[in-house]
Amino acid sequence: MARNPFAPPGAEVADPVSQQLPVPPQVKLACQMIIATLVVGIITLFPGVREPAAGDAEVPFLFTLVLVVVFGGLTLLLASRILQGRNWARWAMLVYLGAGWALAGPSLADDFYLSPIAAIIDAISIPVEAVACWMLFTGAGAQWFAALAAGRTRNGR
């Protein structure tokens, strides 16, 4: 019988199994800390928790909802990419959170007067996020990302 050129190959065809390094507990904890500050920070958006400063207009609910979805989604996307070992996501998270700290920092003192609960949440969230970023860039986090980068370089990816 003649060989059918359209028949599947006799050998199993598949991509090579990559030796993916397990995510270190330090990186998992850092991402959990960042997501926890996101969830707790949403509390500050409920009516009556964060009072607008004198002369500031009330922010429409729909606008607030859109911002929560967009920036909350970005936070979750970056955290998931970090857990997948994407180094760019680690740097993007640092820049993203750093921008948030720069925006929240100057108004923190006024917030304690206007909205003490929101200010306390912000005052706790900022150092928690900073520690989480520190965990991503030092110790086991830094070693894991370096090992992943070395593996990608060897494999040509």
N, C-alpha and C. Protein backbone atom coordinates (compact mmCIF):
# COMPACT_ATOMS: atom_id res chain seq x y z
N MET A 1 0.84 -1.17 0.00
CA MET A 1 0.00 0.00 0.00
C MET A 1 0.89 1.24 0.00
N ALA A 2 0.51 2.26 -0.76
CA ALA A 2 1.30 3.48 -0.89
C ALA A 2 1.14 4.36 0.36
N ARG A 3 2.21 5.05 0.67
CA ARG A 3 2.18 5.95 1.84
C ARG A 3 1.32 7.16 1.54
N ASN A 4 0.42 7.49 2.46
CA ASN A 4 -0.45 8.65 2.31
C ASN A 4 0.30 9.87 2.86
N PRO A 5 0.61 10.86 2.04
CA PRO A 5 1.35 12.02 2.53
C PRO A 5 0.53 12.89 3.50
N PHE A 6 -0.76 12.66 3.56
CA PHE A 6 -1.61 13.46 4.44
C PHE A 6 -1.89 12.77 5.77
N ALA A 7 -1.35 11.60 5.97
CA ALA A 7 -1.55 10.86 7.22
C ALA A 7 -0.73 11.53 8.33
N PRO A 8 -1.22 11.48 9.56
CA PRO A 8 -0.46 12.07 10.67
C PRO A 8 0.85 11.33 10.87
N PRO A 9 1.83 12.00 11.41
CA PRO A 9 3.13 11.34 11.62
C PRO A 9 3.02 10.24 12.66
N GLY A 10 3.93 9.29 12.55
CA GLY A 10 3.93 8.17 13.49
C GLY A 10 4.45 8.57 14.86
N ALA A 11 5.35 9.55 14.91
CA ALA A 11 5.90 10.00 16.19
C ALA A 11 5.01 11.10 16.76
N GLU A 12 5.03 11.21 18.07
CA GLU A 12 4.25 12.26 18.72
C GLU A 12 4.91 13.61 18.47
N VAL A 13 4.13 14.56 18.05
CA VAL A 13 4.64 15.90 17.75
C VAL A 13 4.12 16.85 18.83
N ALA A 14 5.05 17.54 19.48
CA ALA A 14 4.66 18.48 20.53
C ALA A 14 5.82 19.43 20.79
N ASP A 15 5.50 20.56 21.37
CA ASP A 15 6.54 21.49 21.79
C ASP A 15 7.29 20.87 22.96
N PRO A 16 8.57 21.17 23.09
CA PRO A 16 9.30 20.61 24.23
C PRO A 16 8.72 21.13 25.54
N VAL A 17 8.74 20.29 26.53
CA VAL A 17 8.23 20.67 27.84
C VAL A 17 9.24 21.61 28.48
N SER A 18 8.79 22.80 28.80
CA SER A 18 9.71 23.75 29.41
C SER A 18 9.80 23.48 30.90
N GLN A 19 10.93 23.73 31.42
CA GLN A 19 11.17 23.54 32.85
C GLN A 19 10.83 24.85 33.55
N GLN A 20 9.54 25.10 33.75
CA GLN A 20 9.10 26.34 34.40
C GLN A 20 9.41 26.27 35.89
N LEU A 21 10.08 27.27 36.37
CA LEU A 21 10.41 27.33 37.79
C LEU A 21 9.15 27.67 38.59
N PRO A 22 8.97 27.05 39.74
CA PRO A 22 7.79 27.38 40.55
C PRO A 22 7.88 28.81 41.07
N VAL A 23 6.73 29.43 41.25
CA VAL A 23 6.67 30.80 41.75
C VAL A 23 7.06 30.79 43.23
N PRO A 24 8.05 31.59 43.62
CA PRO A 24 8.45 31.61 45.03
C PRO A 24 7.33 32.18 45.90
N PRO A 25 7.23 31.70 47.14
CA PRO A 25 6.21 32.22 48.06
C PRO A 25 6.29 33.74 48.23
N GLN A 26 7.49 34.29 48.17
CA GLN A 26 7.69 35.73 48.33
C GLN A 26 6.98 36.50 47.21
N VAL A 27 7.02 35.99 45.98
CA VAL A 27 6.37 36.66 44.85
C VAL A 27 4.86 36.51 44.97
N LYS A 28 4.39 35.32 45.37
CA LYS A 28 2.95 35.12 45.57
C LYS A 28 2.43 36.07 46.64
N LEU A 29 3.16 36.17 47.75
CA LEU A 29 2.73 37.05 48.85
C LEU A 29 2.72 38.50 48.40
N ALA A 30 3.71 38.92 47.63
CA ALA A 30 3.75 40.30 47.15
C ALA A 30 2.53 40.62 46.29
N CYS A 31 2.17 39.71 45.40
CA CYS A 31 0.99 39.93 44.55
C CYS A 31 -0.29 39.92 45.38
N GLN A 32 -0.36 39.05 46.38
CA GLN A 32 -1.52 39.03 47.26
C GLN A 32 -1.64 40.33 48.05
N MET A 33 -0.51 40.88 48.48
CA MET A 33 -0.53 42.15 49.21
C MET A 33 -1.04 43.28 48.32
N ILE A 34 -0.59 43.31 47.08
CA ILE A 34 -1.02 44.35 46.15
C ILE A 34 -2.52 44.24 45.87
N ILE A 35 -2.99 43.02 45.65
CA ILE A 35 -4.42 42.83 45.40
C ILE A 35 -5.24 43.16 46.65
N ALA A 36 -4.72 42.84 47.83
CA ALA A 36 -5.43 43.16 49.08
C ALA A 36 -5.57 44.67 49.25
N THR A 37 -4.52 45.43 48.92
CA THR A 37 -4.63 46.89 49.04
C THR A 37 -5.63 47.45 48.03
N LEU A 38 -5.73 46.81 46.87
CA LEU A 38 -6.74 47.21 45.88
C LEU A 38 -8.13 47.02 46.46
N VAL A 39 -8.39 45.84 47.02
CA VAL A 39 -9.71 45.53 47.56
C VAL A 39 -10.06 46.45 48.73
N VAL A 40 -9.11 46.65 49.63
CA VAL A 40 -9.37 47.53 50.77
C VAL A 40 -9.53 48.97 50.31
N GLY A 41 -8.76 49.37 49.29
CA GLY A 41 -8.87 50.72 48.77
C GLY A 41 -10.22 51.02 48.15
N ILE A 42 -10.89 50.00 47.66
CA ILE A 42 -12.23 50.21 47.08
C ILE A 42 -13.21 50.69 48.16
N ILE A 43 -12.95 50.30 49.40
CA ILE A 43 -13.81 50.75 50.52
C ILE A 43 -13.83 52.28 50.59
N THR A 44 -12.72 52.91 50.28
CA THR A 44 -12.64 54.37 50.38
C THR A 44 -13.49 55.07 49.33
N LEU A 45 -13.98 54.33 48.35
CA LEU A 45 -14.78 54.94 47.30
C LEU A 45 -16.28 54.93 47.60
N PHE A 46 -16.67 54.24 48.67
CA PHE A 46 -18.09 54.24 49.04
C PHE A 46 -18.50 55.64 49.49
N PRO A 47 -19.73 56.01 49.20
CA PRO A 47 -20.20 57.35 49.60
C PRO A 47 -20.07 57.55 51.11
N GLY A 48 -19.59 58.71 51.48
CA GLY A 48 -19.46 59.05 52.88
C GLY A 48 -18.13 58.68 53.51
N VAL A 49 -17.35 57.84 52.86
CA VAL A 49 -16.05 57.45 53.42
C VAL A 49 -15.00 58.50 53.08
N ARG A 50 -14.94 58.92 51.82
CA ARG A 50 -13.98 59.94 51.41
C ARG A 50 -14.76 61.19 51.01
N GLU A 51 -14.69 62.19 51.84
CA GLU A 51 -15.41 63.44 51.58
C GLU A 51 -14.60 64.31 50.62
N PRO A 52 -15.27 64.93 49.66
CA PRO A 52 -14.54 65.83 48.75
C PRO A 52 -14.09 67.09 49.50
N ALA A 53 -12.96 67.62 49.07
CA ALA A 53 -12.45 68.86 49.68
C ALA A 53 -13.39 70.00 49.32
N ALA A 54 -13.33 71.07 50.11
CA ALA A 54 -14.17 72.23 49.86
C ALA A 54 -13.86 72.77 48.46
N GLY A 55 -14.90 73.00 47.71
CA GLY A 55 -14.73 73.51 46.35
C GLY A 55 -14.65 72.41 45.30
N ASP A 56 -14.45 71.16 45.72
CA ASP A 56 -14.43 70.04 44.77
C ASP A 56 -15.85 69.57 44.51
N ALA A 57 -16.13 69.26 43.28
CA ALA A 57 -17.46 68.75 42.92
C ALA A 57 -17.55 67.27 43.28
N GLU A 58 -18.76 66.81 43.50
CA GLU A 58 -19.01 65.39 43.76
C GLU A 58 -18.73 64.62 42.47
N VAL A 59 -18.02 63.52 42.59
CA VAL A 59 -17.68 62.70 41.42
C VAL A 59 -18.85 61.76 41.11
N PRO A 60 -19.31 61.74 39.87
CA PRO A 60 -20.44 60.86 39.52
C PRO A 60 -20.07 59.38 39.75
N PHE A 61 -21.06 58.61 40.17
CA PHE A 61 -20.85 57.20 40.48
C PHE A 61 -20.35 56.42 39.27
N LEU A 62 -20.92 56.68 38.10
CA LEU A 62 -20.52 55.95 36.90
C LEU A 62 -19.05 56.19 36.57
N PHE A 63 -18.59 57.41 36.73
CA PHE A 63 -17.18 57.73 36.49
C PHE A 63 -16.29 56.96 37.46
N THR A 64 -16.69 56.93 38.73
CA THR A 64 -15.93 56.19 39.74
C THR A 64 -15.90 54.71 39.39
N LEU A 65 -17.03 54.17 38.97
CA LEU A 65 -17.11 52.76 38.61
C LEU A 65 -16.19 52.44 37.43
N VAL A 66 -16.16 53.30 36.43
CA VAL A 66 -15.29 53.08 35.27
C VAL A 66 -13.83 53.10 35.71
N LEU A 67 -13.45 54.04 36.57
CA LEU A 67 -12.07 54.10 37.05
C LEU A 67 -11.69 52.85 37.84
N VAL A 68 -12.61 52.37 38.67
CA VAL A 68 -12.35 51.16 39.45
C VAL A 68 -12.14 49.97 38.53
N VAL A 69 -12.98 49.84 37.52
CA VAL A 69 -12.86 48.72 36.58
C VAL A 69 -11.55 48.80 35.81
N VAL A 70 -11.22 49.98 35.30
CA VAL A 70 -10.01 50.14 34.49
C VAL A 70 -8.76 49.92 35.33
N PHE A 71 -8.63 50.65 36.43
CA PHE A 71 -7.40 50.56 37.22
C PHE A 71 -7.34 49.28 38.06
N GLY A 72 -8.49 48.81 38.51
CA GLY A 72 -8.52 47.52 39.19
C GLY A 72 -8.16 46.40 38.24
N GLY A 73 -8.68 46.47 37.02
CA GLY A 73 -8.34 45.48 36.00
C GLY A 73 -6.86 45.51 35.65
N LEU A 74 -6.30 46.70 35.56
CA LEU A 74 -4.87 46.83 35.27
C LEU A 74 -4.03 46.21 36.40
N THR A 75 -4.43 46.46 37.63
CA THR A 75 -3.72 45.89 38.77
C THR A 75 -3.76 44.37 38.72
N LEU A 76 -4.94 43.81 38.48
CA LEU A 76 -5.09 42.36 38.42
C LEU A 76 -4.32 41.77 37.23
N LEU A 77 -4.34 42.46 36.09
CA LEU A 77 -3.60 42.00 34.92
C LEU A 77 -2.11 41.96 35.21
N LEU A 78 -1.58 43.04 35.78
CA LEU A 78 -0.15 43.08 36.08
C LEU A 78 0.22 42.02 37.10
N ALA A 79 -0.60 41.84 38.14
CA ALA A 79 -0.31 40.82 39.15
C ALA A 79 -0.30 39.42 38.52
N SER A 80 -1.24 39.15 37.63
CA SER A 80 -1.28 37.83 37.00
C SER A 80 -0.06 37.62 36.11
N ARG A 81 0.37 38.66 35.42
CA ARG A 81 1.55 38.54 34.57
C ARG A 81 2.82 38.39 35.40
N ILE A 82 2.87 39.03 36.55
CA ILE A 82 4.01 38.85 37.45
C ILE A 82 4.09 37.38 37.88
N LEU A 83 2.95 36.81 38.24
CA LEU A 83 2.93 35.41 38.67
C LEU A 83 3.28 34.45 37.54
N GLN A 84 3.15 34.91 36.29
CA GLN A 84 3.56 34.11 35.13
C GLN A 84 5.04 34.31 34.81
N GLY A 85 5.70 35.17 35.59
CA GLY A 85 7.13 35.38 35.39
C GLY A 85 7.50 36.44 34.38
N ARG A 86 6.59 37.32 34.07
CA ARG A 86 6.87 38.38 33.10
C ARG A 86 7.58 39.55 33.79
N ASN A 87 8.84 39.74 33.47
CA ASN A 87 9.64 40.77 34.11
C ASN A 87 9.11 42.17 33.81
N TRP A 88 8.61 42.39 32.59
CA TRP A 88 8.07 43.70 32.23
C TRP A 88 6.92 44.08 33.16
N ALA A 89 6.13 43.09 33.60
CA ALA A 89 4.99 43.37 34.47
C ALA A 89 5.45 43.81 35.85
N ARG A 90 6.56 43.26 36.29
CA ARG A 90 7.12 43.67 37.59
C ARG A 90 7.52 45.14 37.55
N TRP A 91 8.18 45.54 36.47
CA TRP A 91 8.58 46.94 36.32
C TRP A 91 7.37 47.85 36.11
N ALA A 92 6.42 47.39 35.32
CA ALA A 92 5.20 48.19 35.09
C ALA A 92 4.44 48.38 36.40
N MET A 93 4.38 47.35 37.23
CA MET A 93 3.70 47.47 38.53
C MET A 93 4.40 48.49 39.41
N LEU A 94 5.73 48.49 39.40
CA LEU A 94 6.47 49.46 40.20
C LEU A 94 6.16 50.89 39.74
N VAL A 95 6.17 51.12 38.45
CA VAL A 95 5.88 52.46 37.91
C VAL A 95 4.43 52.85 38.21
N TYR A 96 3.52 51.91 37.99
CA TYR A 96 2.09 52.14 38.22
C TYR A 96 1.81 52.48 39.69
N LEU A 97 2.35 51.69 40.61
CA LEU A 97 2.14 51.97 42.03
C LEU A 97 2.88 53.25 42.44
N GLY A 98 4.07 53.47 41.90
CA GLY A 98 4.81 54.69 42.21
C GLY A 98 4.05 55.94 41.80
N ALA A 99 3.39 55.89 40.66
CA ALA A 99 2.57 57.02 40.22
C ALA A 99 1.42 57.24 41.21
N GLY A 100 0.82 56.15 41.68
CA GLY A 100 -0.26 56.26 42.67
C GLY A 100 0.22 56.87 43.97
N TRP A 101 1.42 56.48 44.39
CA TRP A 101 1.98 57.04 45.64
C TRP A 101 2.24 58.53 45.46
N ALA A 102 2.76 58.91 44.30
CA ALA A 102 3.04 60.32 44.05
C ALA A 102 1.77 61.15 44.04
N LEU A 103 0.68 60.58 43.55
CA LEU A 103 -0.59 61.30 43.52
C LEU A 103 -1.26 61.35 44.89
N ALA A 104 -1.14 60.28 45.67
CA ALA A 104 -1.82 60.20 46.96
C ALA A 104 -1.04 60.90 48.07
N GLY A 105 0.27 60.88 47.98
CA GLY A 105 1.10 61.41 49.05
C GLY A 105 0.84 62.85 49.46
N PRO A 106 0.83 63.80 48.52
CA PRO A 106 0.65 65.20 48.89
C PRO A 106 -0.68 65.50 49.59
N SER A 107 -1.73 64.76 49.29
CA SER A 107 -3.04 65.06 49.88
C SER A 107 -3.32 64.25 51.14
N LEU A 108 -2.37 63.43 51.56
CA LEU A 108 -2.61 62.54 52.70
C LEU A 108 -2.89 63.31 53.99
N ALA A 109 -2.16 64.38 54.23
CA ALA A 109 -2.37 65.17 55.46
C ALA A 109 -3.77 65.80 55.48
N ASP A 110 -4.20 66.34 54.35
CA ASP A 110 -5.54 66.92 54.28
C ASP A 110 -6.62 65.85 54.42
N ASP A 111 -6.35 64.67 53.89
CA ASP A 111 -7.32 63.58 53.98
C ASP A 111 -7.58 63.17 55.42
N PHE A 112 -6.57 63.26 56.28
CA PHE A 112 -6.79 62.91 57.70
C PHE A 112 -7.82 63.83 58.33
N TYR A 113 -7.85 65.07 57.89
CA TYR A 113 -8.82 66.02 58.43
C TYR A 113 -10.20 65.79 57.81
N LEU A 114 -10.25 65.61 56.48
CA LEU A 114 -11.52 65.48 55.78
C LEU A 114 -12.14 64.09 55.90
N SER A 115 -11.33 63.06 55.74
CA SER A 115 -11.82 61.68 55.71
C SER A 115 -10.84 60.77 56.44
N PRO A 116 -10.92 60.71 57.75
CA PRO A 116 -9.93 59.95 58.51
C PRO A 116 -9.86 58.46 58.13
N ILE A 117 -10.99 57.83 57.88
CA ILE A 117 -10.97 56.40 57.54
C ILE A 117 -10.23 56.19 56.22
N ALA A 118 -10.53 57.00 55.22
CA ALA A 118 -9.86 56.88 53.92
C ALA A 118 -8.37 57.17 54.06
N ALA A 119 -8.02 58.15 54.87
CA ALA A 119 -6.61 58.49 55.06
C ALA A 119 -5.85 57.36 55.75
N ILE A 120 -6.48 56.74 56.72
CA ILE A 120 -5.83 55.61 57.42
C ILE A 120 -5.62 54.45 56.45
N ILE A 121 -6.62 54.17 55.63
CA ILE A 121 -6.48 53.10 54.64
C ILE A 121 -5.35 53.43 53.67
N ASP A 122 -5.31 54.68 53.20
CA ASP A 122 -4.23 55.08 52.29
C ASP A 122 -2.87 55.01 52.97
N ALA A 123 -2.81 55.46 54.23
CA ALA A 123 -1.55 55.48 54.96
C ALA A 123 -1.03 54.07 55.23
N ILE A 124 -1.91 53.10 55.30
CA ILE A 124 -1.49 51.71 55.48
C ILE A 124 -1.18 51.07 54.13
N SER A 125 -1.98 51.39 53.11
CA SER A 125 -1.82 50.77 51.79
C SER A 125 -0.49 51.13 51.14
N ILE A 126 -0.08 52.37 51.26
CA ILE A 126 1.15 52.81 50.58
C ILE A 126 2.37 52.02 51.06
N PRO A 127 2.61 51.89 52.38
CA PRO A 127 3.77 51.08 52.80
C PRO A 127 3.61 49.59 52.47
N VAL A 128 2.39 49.08 52.51
CA VAL A 128 2.18 47.66 52.17
C VAL A 128 2.56 47.44 50.70
N GLU A 129 2.13 48.34 49.82
CA GLU A 129 2.49 48.23 48.41
C GLU A 129 4.00 48.39 48.20
N ALA A 130 4.61 49.30 48.97
CA ALA A 130 6.06 49.49 48.85
C ALA A 130 6.81 48.23 49.27
N VAL A 131 6.37 47.60 50.35
CA VAL A 131 7.00 46.35 50.80
C VAL A 131 6.80 45.26 49.74
N ALA A 132 5.61 45.21 49.15
CA ALA A 132 5.35 44.21 48.10
C ALA A 132 6.30 44.41 46.91
N CYS A 133 6.50 45.64 46.51
CA CYS A 133 7.44 45.91 45.41
C CYS A 133 8.86 45.55 45.81
N TRP A 134 9.21 45.85 47.03
CA TRP A 134 10.54 45.48 47.54
C TRP A 134 10.72 43.96 47.45
N MET A 135 9.67 43.21 47.80
CA MET A 135 9.73 41.75 47.75
C MET A 135 9.89 41.24 46.31
N LEU A 136 9.33 41.95 45.36
CA LEU A 136 9.45 41.54 43.96
C LEU A 136 10.86 41.79 43.41
N PHE A 137 11.56 42.78 43.95
CA PHE A 137 12.85 43.17 43.40
C PHE A 137 14.04 42.73 44.24
N THR A 138 13.82 42.02 45.34
CA THR A 138 14.92 41.56 46.19
C THR A 138 14.75 40.08 46.51
N GLY A 139 15.78 39.50 47.04
CA GLY A 139 15.72 38.13 47.54
C GLY A 139 15.24 37.12 46.50
N ALA A 140 14.33 36.26 46.95
CA ALA A 140 13.83 35.18 46.10
C ALA A 140 13.13 35.71 44.86
N GLY A 141 12.46 36.87 44.98
CA GLY A 141 11.79 37.45 43.82
C GLY A 141 12.78 37.82 42.73
N ALA A 142 13.85 38.51 43.10
CA ALA A 142 14.86 38.91 42.13
C ALA A 142 15.56 37.69 41.54
N GLN A 143 15.84 36.69 42.37
CA GLN A 143 16.50 35.47 41.88
C GLN A 143 15.61 34.72 40.90
N TRP A 144 14.32 34.66 41.19
CA TRP A 144 13.39 33.94 40.31
C TRP A 144 13.30 34.61 38.95
N PHE A 145 13.16 35.94 38.94
CA PHE A 145 13.08 36.64 37.67
C PHE A 145 14.40 36.54 36.90
N ALA A 146 15.53 36.56 37.60
CA ALA A 146 16.82 36.41 36.94
C ALA A 146 16.96 35.01 36.34
N ALA A 147 16.52 33.99 37.07
CA ALA A 147 16.59 32.61 36.56
C ALA A 147 15.67 32.43 35.35
N LEU A 148 14.50 33.04 35.40
CA LEU A 148 13.59 32.96 34.25
C LEU A 148 14.20 33.66 33.04
N ALA A 149 14.81 34.80 33.26
CA ALA A 149 15.44 35.53 32.15
C ALA A 149 16.60 34.73 31.57
N ALA A 150 17.38 34.08 32.42
CA ALA A 150 18.50 33.26 31.94
C ALA A 150 17.98 32.08 31.13
N GLY A 151 16.89 31.47 31.57
CA GLY A 151 16.29 30.35 30.84
C GLY A 151 15.74 30.78 29.50
N ARG A 152 15.15 31.96 29.44
CA ARG A 152 14.61 32.46 28.17
C ARG A 152 15.73 32.78 27.19
N THR A 153 16.85 33.30 27.74
CA THR A 153 17.98 33.62 26.89
C THR A 153 18.59 32.36 26.29
N ARG A 154 18.71 31.30 27.13
CA ARG A 154 19.26 30.04 26.65
C ARG A 154 18.36 29.40 25.59
N ASN A 155 17.04 29.52 25.79
CA ASN A 155 16.11 28.89 24.86
C ASN A 155 15.80 29.77 23.65
N GLY A 156 16.34 30.97 23.62
CA GLY A 156 16.11 31.85 22.48
C GLY A 156 14.76 32.51 22.46
N ARG A 157 14.11 32.59 23.60
CA ARG A 157 12.79 33.26 23.65
C ARG A 157 12.91 34.65 24.15
